[in-house]
Amino acid sequence: MILNSTTPKTVSEAIKVFCADIDSAQPPIYVPVRPDPTAAINSCFGSVSNFVSRGGGSIQYGWIIWAGSKQLFLEAEFHAVWVSPFYEMIDITPKIDGEVNILFLPDMKRVYKGQLIENKRKLLVINDATLRWLWLGHHRHLFKERHFKNGQVDMEAALRDKDQWDQWESQAEALTFSRNCYCPCGSGKRLKSCCGRRSPS
């Protein structure tokens, strides 16, 4: 079960609604990715903070907006970008897939306080495949949370616990869902009252 995501090419109506649910005061904007040589993948908060200390500017917290292949889902990942002295937003954190820009939703209320923040997810198509993706996304957060300390995931500990992750991935392949089951997003609500409540617009 592989459902990939990438930077959306356009800001669709579904993306606007998704972003408004997160912060209705801010529109999503495309931000260029210009990696700092000293920055590491998945370490935006420390990297941007260090970059500001070295060269000025400021830090802007917000959410990277990812779109699923075939418009199946949307996902928001808490993130930080650098704001230059000329008020230009630049993503200095390198990306695994080599994106040259990201769709970024500034969040004017939330700041990073050293705690792991779960991604926000929205299904655009509701079926067993996307519900499995939702379940696995929540369990990926639980896995990271288990090994999160001192502001980052302890990769050595995570690798030692790889059997648990492999077990969850294998389990996800066989999952099926009914409207009365608990929602796979981890909210504790029934699916019919949560992510399966209605067909997304």
C-alpha atoms as a PDB file:
ATOM      1  CA  MET A   1       0.000   0.000   0.000  1.00  0.00           C
ATOM      2  CA  ILE A   2       1.859   3.056  -1.254  1.00  0.00           C
ATOM      3  CA  LEU A   3      -0.012   6.352  -1.529  1.00  0.00           C
ATOM      4  CA  ASN A   4       2.457   9.057  -2.442  1.00  0.00           C
ATOM      5  CA  SER A   5       2.133  12.800  -1.923  1.00  0.00           C
ATOM      6  CA  THR A   6       3.772  15.817  -3.498  1.00  0.00           C
ATOM      7  CA  THR A   7       3.558  19.599  -3.717  1.00  0.00           C
ATOM      8  CA  PRO A   8       0.228  20.458  -5.364  1.00  0.00           C
ATOM      9  CA  LYS A   9       0.593  22.173  -8.724  1.00  0.00           C
ATOM     10  CA  THR A  10      -2.360  24.484  -8.126  1.00  0.00           C
ATOM     11  CA  VAL A  11      -4.358  25.666  -5.138  1.00  0.00           C
ATOM     12  CA  SER A  12      -7.651  23.837  -5.627  1.00  0.00           C
ATOM     13  CA  GLU A  13     -10.895  24.636  -3.870  1.00  0.00           C
ATOM     14  CA  ALA A  14     -10.391  21.533  -1.697  1.00  0.00           C
ATOM     15  CA  ILE A  15      -6.992  22.867  -0.617  1.00  0.00           C
ATOM     16  CA  LYS A  16      -8.484  26.277   0.205  1.00  0.00           C
ATOM     17  CA  VAL A  17     -11.113  24.639   2.411  1.00  0.00           C
ATOM     18  CA  PHE A  18      -8.493  22.424   4.078  1.00  0.00           C
ATOM     19  CA  CYS A  19      -6.240  25.415   4.796  1.00  0.00           C
ATOM     20  CA  ALA A  20      -9.146  27.523   6.077  1.00  0.00           C
ATOM     21  CA  ASP A  21      -9.875  24.804   8.639  1.00  0.00           C
ATOM     22  CA  ILE A  22      -6.303  25.205   9.910  1.00  0.00           C
ATOM     23  CA  ASP A  23      -5.968  29.005   9.785  1.00  0.00           C
ATOM     24  CA  SER A  24      -8.711  30.932   8.017  1.00  0.00           C
ATOM     25  CA  ALA A  25      -6.770  34.206   8.261  1.00  0.00           C
ATOM     26  CA  GLN A  26      -3.918  33.069   5.995  1.00  0.00           C
ATOM     27  CA  PRO A  27      -3.828  31.932   2.360  1.00  0.00           C
ATOM     28  CA  PRO A  28      -1.379  29.193   1.314  1.00  0.00           C
ATOM     29  CA  ILE A  29       1.568  30.462  -0.741  1.00  0.00           C
ATOM     30  CA  TYR A  30       4.305  28.838  -2.790  1.00  0.00           C
ATOM     31  CA  VAL A  31       7.714  29.180  -1.112  1.00  0.00           C
ATOM     32  CA  PRO A  32      11.001  28.404  -2.890  1.00  0.00           C
ATOM     33  CA  VAL A  33      13.281  25.697  -1.476  1.00  0.00           C
ATOM     34  CA  ARG A  34      16.900  26.857  -1.223  1.00  0.00           C
ATOM     35  CA  PRO A  35      18.606  24.365   1.100  1.00  0.00           C
ATOM     36  CA  ASP A  36      21.214  25.592   3.538  1.00  0.00           C
ATOM     37  CA  PRO A  37      24.277  23.272   3.303  1.00  0.00           C
ATOM     38  CA  THR A  38      24.304  22.912   7.089  1.00  0.00           C
ATOM     39  CA  ALA A  39      20.616  21.955   7.322  1.00  0.00           C
ATOM     40  CA  ALA A  40      19.523  18.341   7.597  1.00  0.00           C
ATOM     41  CA  ILE A  41      16.386  16.719   6.197  1.00  0.00           C
ATOM     42  CA  ASN A  42      13.490  16.744   8.684  1.00  0.00           C
ATOM     43  CA  SER A  43      15.193  19.251  10.999  1.00  0.00           C
ATOM     44  CA  CYS A  44      13.546  22.505   9.985  1.00  0.00           C
ATOM     45  CA  PHE A  45      13.035  23.972  13.451  1.00  0.00           C
ATOM     46  CA  GLY A  46      16.641  23.759  14.592  1.00  0.00           C
ATOM     47  CA  SER A  47      18.019  24.547  11.132  1.00  0.00           C
ATOM     48  CA  VAL A  48      16.007  27.737  10.673  1.00  0.00           C
ATOM     49  CA  SER A  49      16.734  28.859  14.227  1.00  0.00           C
ATOM     50  CA  ASN A  50      20.475  28.405  13.655  1.00  0.00           C
ATOM     51  CA  PHE A  51      20.234  30.157  10.285  1.00  0.00           C
ATOM     52  CA  VAL A  52      18.566  33.171  11.910  1.00  0.00           C
ATOM     53  CA  SER A  53      21.285  33.273  14.578  1.00  0.00           C
ATOM     54  CA  ARG A  54      23.991  33.310  11.914  1.00  0.00           C
ATOM     55  CA  GLY A  55      22.476  35.601   9.322  1.00  0.00           C
ATOM     56  CA  GLY A  56      19.491  37.484  10.696  1.00  0.00           C
ATOM     57  CA  GLY A  57      15.942  37.415   9.478  1.00  0.00           C
ATOM     58  CA  SER A  58      13.258  35.551  11.374  1.00  0.00           C
ATOM     59  CA  ILE A  59      11.398  32.265  11.566  1.00  0.00           C
ATOM     60  CA  GLN A  60       7.856  31.643  10.336  1.00  0.00           C
ATOM     61  CA  TYR A  61       5.934  28.616  11.528  1.00  0.00           C
ATOM     62  CA  GLY A  62       3.203  27.035   9.472  1.00  0.00           C
ATOM     63  CA  TRP A  63       2.249  23.969   7.479  1.00  0.00           C
ATOM     64  CA  ILE A  64       3.553  22.347   4.312  1.00  0.00           C
ATOM     65  CA  ILE A  65       0.537  21.284   2.275  1.00  0.00           C
ATOM     66  CA  TRP A  66       0.941  17.957   0.481  1.00  0.00           C
ATOM     67  CA  ALA A  67      -1.484  16.524  -2.076  1.00  0.00           C
ATOM     68  CA  GLY A  68      -1.962  12.800  -2.580  1.00  0.00           C
ATOM     69  CA  SER A  69      -1.633  11.155  -5.945  1.00  0.00           C
ATOM     70  CA  LYS A  70      -4.870  11.064  -7.979  1.00  0.00           C
ATOM     71  CA  GLN A  71      -6.309  13.710  -5.613  1.00  0.00           C
ATOM     72  CA  LEU A  72      -7.089  11.113  -2.964  1.00  0.00           C
ATOM     73  CA  PHE A  73      -6.113  13.108   0.126  1.00  0.00           C
ATOM     74  CA  LEU A  74      -4.448  16.219   1.558  1.00  0.00           C
ATOM     75  CA  GLU A  75      -1.914  16.391   4.375  1.00  0.00           C
ATOM     76  CA  ALA A  76      -0.453  19.291   6.353  1.00  0.00           C
ATOM     77  CA  GLU A  77       2.940  18.951   8.044  1.00  0.00           C
ATOM     78  CA  PHE A  78       4.013  21.472  10.709  1.00  0.00           C
ATOM     79  CA  HIS A  79       7.098  23.254   9.428  1.00  0.00           C
ATOM     80  CA  ALA A  80       9.313  26.334   9.708  1.00  0.00           C
ATOM     81  CA  VAL A  81      10.726  28.562   6.977  1.00  0.00           C
ATOM     82  CA  TRP A  82      13.198  31.412   7.042  1.00  0.00           C
ATOM     83  CA  VAL A  83      11.993  34.985   6.512  1.00  0.00           C
ATOM     84  CA  SER A  84      14.717  37.157   5.001  1.00  0.00           C
ATOM     85  CA  PRO A  85      15.354  40.773   6.121  1.00  0.00           C
ATOM     86  CA  PHE A  86      13.422  41.698   2.956  1.00  0.00           C
ATOM     87  CA  TYR A  87      10.404  39.634   4.157  1.00  0.00           C
ATOM     88  CA  GLU A  88      10.832  36.879   1.579  1.00  0.00           C
ATOM     89  CA  MET A  89       9.927  33.401   2.818  1.00  0.00           C
ATOM     90  CA  ILE A  90      12.466  30.722   1.898  1.00  0.00           C
ATOM     91  CA  ASP A  91      12.499  27.048   2.854  1.00  0.00           C
ATOM     92  CA  ILE A  92      16.125  26.297   3.767  1.00  0.00           C
ATOM     93  CA  THR A  93      15.476  22.661   4.741  1.00  0.00           C
ATOM     94  CA  PRO A  94      16.396  20.075   2.062  1.00  0.00           C
ATOM     95  CA  LYS A  95      13.624  17.813   0.817  1.00  0.00           C
ATOM     96  CA  ILE A  96      13.869  14.045   0.343  1.00  0.00           C
ATOM     97  CA  ASP A  97      12.187  14.190  -3.065  1.00  0.00           C
ATOM     98  CA  GLY A  98      14.055  17.291  -4.195  1.00  0.00           C
ATOM     99  CA  GLU A  99      11.100  19.695  -4.383  1.00  0.00           C
ATOM    100  CA  VAL A 100      12.098  23.134  -5.639  1.00  0.00           C
ATOM    101  CA  ASN A 101       9.138  24.778  -3.915  1.00  0.00           C
ATOM    102  CA  ILE A 102       6.519  23.975  -1.304  1.00  0.00           C
ATOM    103  CA  LEU A 103       2.957  25.094  -0.718  1.00  0.00           C
ATOM    104  CA  PHE A 104       3.143  26.727   2.710  1.00  0.00           C
ATOM    105  CA  LEU A 105       0.354  27.892   5.001  1.00  0.00           C
ATOM    106  CA  PRO A 106       1.643  30.385   7.595  1.00  0.00           C
ATOM    107  CA  ASP A 107       0.237  29.811  11.076  1.00  0.00           C
ATOM    108  CA  MET A 108       0.205  33.037  13.071  1.00  0.00           C
ATOM    109  CA  LYS A 109      -0.849  31.371  16.340  1.00  0.00           C
ATOM    110  CA  ARG A 110       1.133  28.165  16.734  1.00  0.00           C
ATOM    111  CA  VAL A 111       4.872  28.041  17.449  1.00  0.00           C
ATOM    112  CA  TYR A 112       7.219  25.125  17.932  1.00  0.00           C
ATOM    113  CA  LYS A 113       7.844  24.321  21.610  1.00  0.00           C
ATOM    114  CA  GLY A 114       9.957  21.195  21.289  1.00  0.00           C
ATOM    115  CA  GLN A 115       6.990  18.853  21.044  1.00  0.00           C
ATOM    116  CA  LEU A 116       6.080  16.551  18.175  1.00  0.00           C
ATOM    117  CA  ILE A 117       3.020  17.816  16.303  1.00  0.00           C
ATOM    118  CA  GLU A 118       0.922  15.331  14.347  1.00  0.00           C
ATOM    119  CA  ASN A 119       0.163  15.995  10.691  1.00  0.00           C
ATOM    120  CA  LYS A 120      -3.340  17.083   9.761  1.00  0.00           C
ATOM    121  CA  ARG A 121      -5.005  14.870   7.167  1.00  0.00           C
ATOM    122  CA  LYS A 122      -8.122  15.084   5.020  1.00  0.00           C
ATOM    123  CA  LEU A 123      -9.514  12.417   2.728  1.00  0.00           C
ATOM    124  CA  LEU A 124     -10.855  13.588  -0.625  1.00  0.00           C
ATOM    125  CA  VAL A 125     -11.900  10.050  -1.517  1.00  0.00           C
ATOM    126  CA  ILE A 126     -13.137   7.711   1.202  1.00  0.00           C
ATOM    127  CA  ASN A 127     -12.418   4.025   0.611  1.00  0.00           C
ATOM    128  CA  ASP A 128     -10.458   1.249   2.304  1.00  0.00           C
ATOM    129  CA  ALA A 129      -7.178   2.311   0.651  1.00  0.00           C
ATOM    130  CA  THR A 130      -7.348   5.919   1.842  1.00  0.00           C
ATOM    131  CA  LEU A 131      -8.607   4.863   5.270  1.00  0.00           C
ATOM    132  CA  ARG A 132      -5.601   2.531   5.555  1.00  0.00           C
ATOM    133  CA  TRP A 133      -3.361   5.479   4.649  1.00  0.00           C
ATOM    134  CA  LEU A 134      -5.058   7.501   7.392  1.00  0.00           C
ATOM    135  CA  TRP A 135      -4.563   4.688   9.923  1.00  0.00           C
ATOM    136  CA  LEU A 136      -0.926   4.250   9.003  1.00  0.00           C
ATOM    137  CA  GLY A 137      -0.298   7.999   9.126  1.00  0.00           C
ATOM    138  CA  HIS A 138      -1.593   8.148  12.692  1.00  0.00           C
ATOM    139  CA  HIS A 139       0.481   5.118  13.668  1.00  0.00           C
ATOM    140  CA  ARG A 140       3.546   6.690  12.055  1.00  0.00           C
ATOM    141  CA  HIS A 141       3.034   9.611  14.433  1.00  0.00           C
ATOM    142  CA  LEU A 142       2.718   7.233  17.396  1.00  0.00           C
ATOM    143  CA  PHE A 143       5.933   5.513  16.319  1.00  0.00           C
ATOM    144  CA  LYS A 144       7.803   8.826  16.089  1.00  0.00           C
ATOM    145  CA  GLU A 145       6.344   9.966  19.398  1.00  0.00           C
ATOM    146  CA  ARG A 146       7.635   6.811  21.070  1.00  0.00           C
ATOM    147  CA  HIS A 147      11.195   7.692  20.002  1.00  0.00           C
ATOM    148  CA  PHE A 148      11.013  11.481  20.262  1.00  0.00           C
ATOM    149  CA  LYS A 149      13.329  13.152  22.747  1.00  0.00           C
ATOM    150  CA  ASN A 150      15.383  16.340  22.973  1.00  0.00           C
ATOM    151  CA  GLY A 151      13.406  17.855  20.106  1.00  0.00           C
ATOM    152  CA  GLN A 152      13.977  15.115  17.548  1.00  0.00           C
ATOM    153  CA  VAL A 153      13.337  11.491  16.718  1.00  0.00           C
ATOM    154  CA  ASP A 154      16.065   9.165  18.012  1.00  0.00           C
ATOM    155  CA  MET A 155      16.778   7.337  14.746  1.00  0.00           C
ATOM    156  CA  GLU A 156      18.942   4.666  16.388  1.00  0.00           C
ATOM    157  CA  ALA A 157      16.124   3.761  18.776  1.00  0.00           C
ATOM    158  CA  ALA A 158      13.605   3.851  15.919  1.00  0.00           C
ATOM    159  CA  LEU A 159      15.715   1.460  13.853  1.00  0.00           C
ATOM    160  CA  ARG A 160      15.969  -0.926  16.797  1.00  0.00           C
ATOM    161  CA  ASP A 161      12.161  -0.865  16.964  1.00  0.00           C
ATOM    162  CA  LYS A 162      11.710  -1.429  13.232  1.00  0.00           C
ATOM    163  CA  ASP A 163       9.920  -4.739  13.799  1.00  0.00           C
ATOM    164  CA  GLN A 164       7.020  -2.845  15.386  1.00  0.00           C
ATOM    165  CA  TRP A 165       6.741  -0.549  12.384  1.00  0.00           C
ATOM    166  CA  ASP A 166       6.933  -3.479   9.951  1.00  0.00           C
ATOM    167  CA  GLN A 167       4.155  -5.174  11.917  1.00  0.00           C
ATOM    168  CA  TRP A 168       1.912  -2.105  11.626  1.00  0.00           C
ATOM    169  CA  GLU A 169       2.590  -1.801   7.888  1.00  0.00           C
ATOM    170  CA  SER A 170       1.698  -5.454   7.395  1.00  0.00           C
ATOM    171  CA  GLN A 171      -1.412  -5.083   9.533  1.00  0.00           C
ATOM    172  CA  ALA A 172      -2.557  -2.049   7.538  1.00  0.00           C
ATOM    173  CA  GLU A 173      -2.686  -4.042   4.309  1.00  0.00           C
ATOM    174  CA  ALA A 174      -5.526  -6.211   5.635  1.00  0.00           C
ATOM    175  CA  LEU A 175      -7.618  -3.559   7.382  1.00  0.00           C
ATOM    176  CA  THR A 176     -11.218  -2.956   6.372  1.00  0.00           C
ATOM    177  CA  PHE A 177     -13.534  -0.345   7.839  1.00  0.00           C
ATOM    178  CA  SER A 178     -17.215   0.087   8.611  1.00  0.00           C
ATOM    179  CA  ARG A 179     -18.962   3.368   9.331  1.00  0.00           C
ATOM    180  CA  ASN A 180     -19.427   2.335  12.969  1.00  0.00           C
ATOM    181  CA  CYS A 181     -15.764   1.517  13.620  1.00  0.00           C
ATOM    182  CA  TYR A 182     -13.473   3.969  15.369  1.00  0.00           C
ATOM    183  CA  CYS A 183     -11.973   6.477  12.940  1.00  0.00           C
ATOM    184  CA  PRO A 184      -8.447   5.484  11.846  1.00  0.00           C
ATOM    185  CA  CYS A 185      -7.248   9.073  12.370  1.00  0.00           C
ATOM    186  CA  GLY A 186      -7.069   8.348  16.117  1.00  0.00           C
ATOM    187  CA  SER A 187      -9.679  10.894  17.211  1.00  0.00           C
ATOM    188  CA  GLY A 188     -11.582   8.326  19.268  1.00  0.00           C
ATOM    189  CA  LYS A 189     -14.787   9.126  17.346  1.00  0.00           C
ATOM    190  CA  ARG A 190     -16.739   6.753  15.136  1.00  0.00           C
ATOM    191  CA  LEU A 191     -15.772   6.890  11.472  1.00  0.00           C
ATOM    192  CA  LYS A 192     -19.260   8.059  10.437  1.00  0.00           C
ATOM    193  CA  SER A 193     -18.936  11.030  12.838  1.00  0.00           C
ATOM    194  CA  CYS A 194     -15.353  11.910  11.902  1.00  0.00           C
ATOM    195  CA  CYS A 195     -13.352  11.486   8.686  1.00  0.00           C
ATOM    196  CA  GLY A 196     -16.159   9.467   7.065  1.00  0.00           C
ATOM    197  CA  ARG A 197     -18.856  11.935   8.086  1.00  0.00           C
ATOM    198  CA  ARG A 198     -19.494  13.220   4.581  1.00  0.00           C
ATOM    199  CA  SER A 199     -17.959  13.218   1.152  1.00  0.00           C
ATOM    200  CA  PRO A 200     -15.307  15.972   1.083  1.00  0.00           C
ATOM    201  CA  SER A 201     -15.905  18.823  -1.311  1.00  0.00           C
END
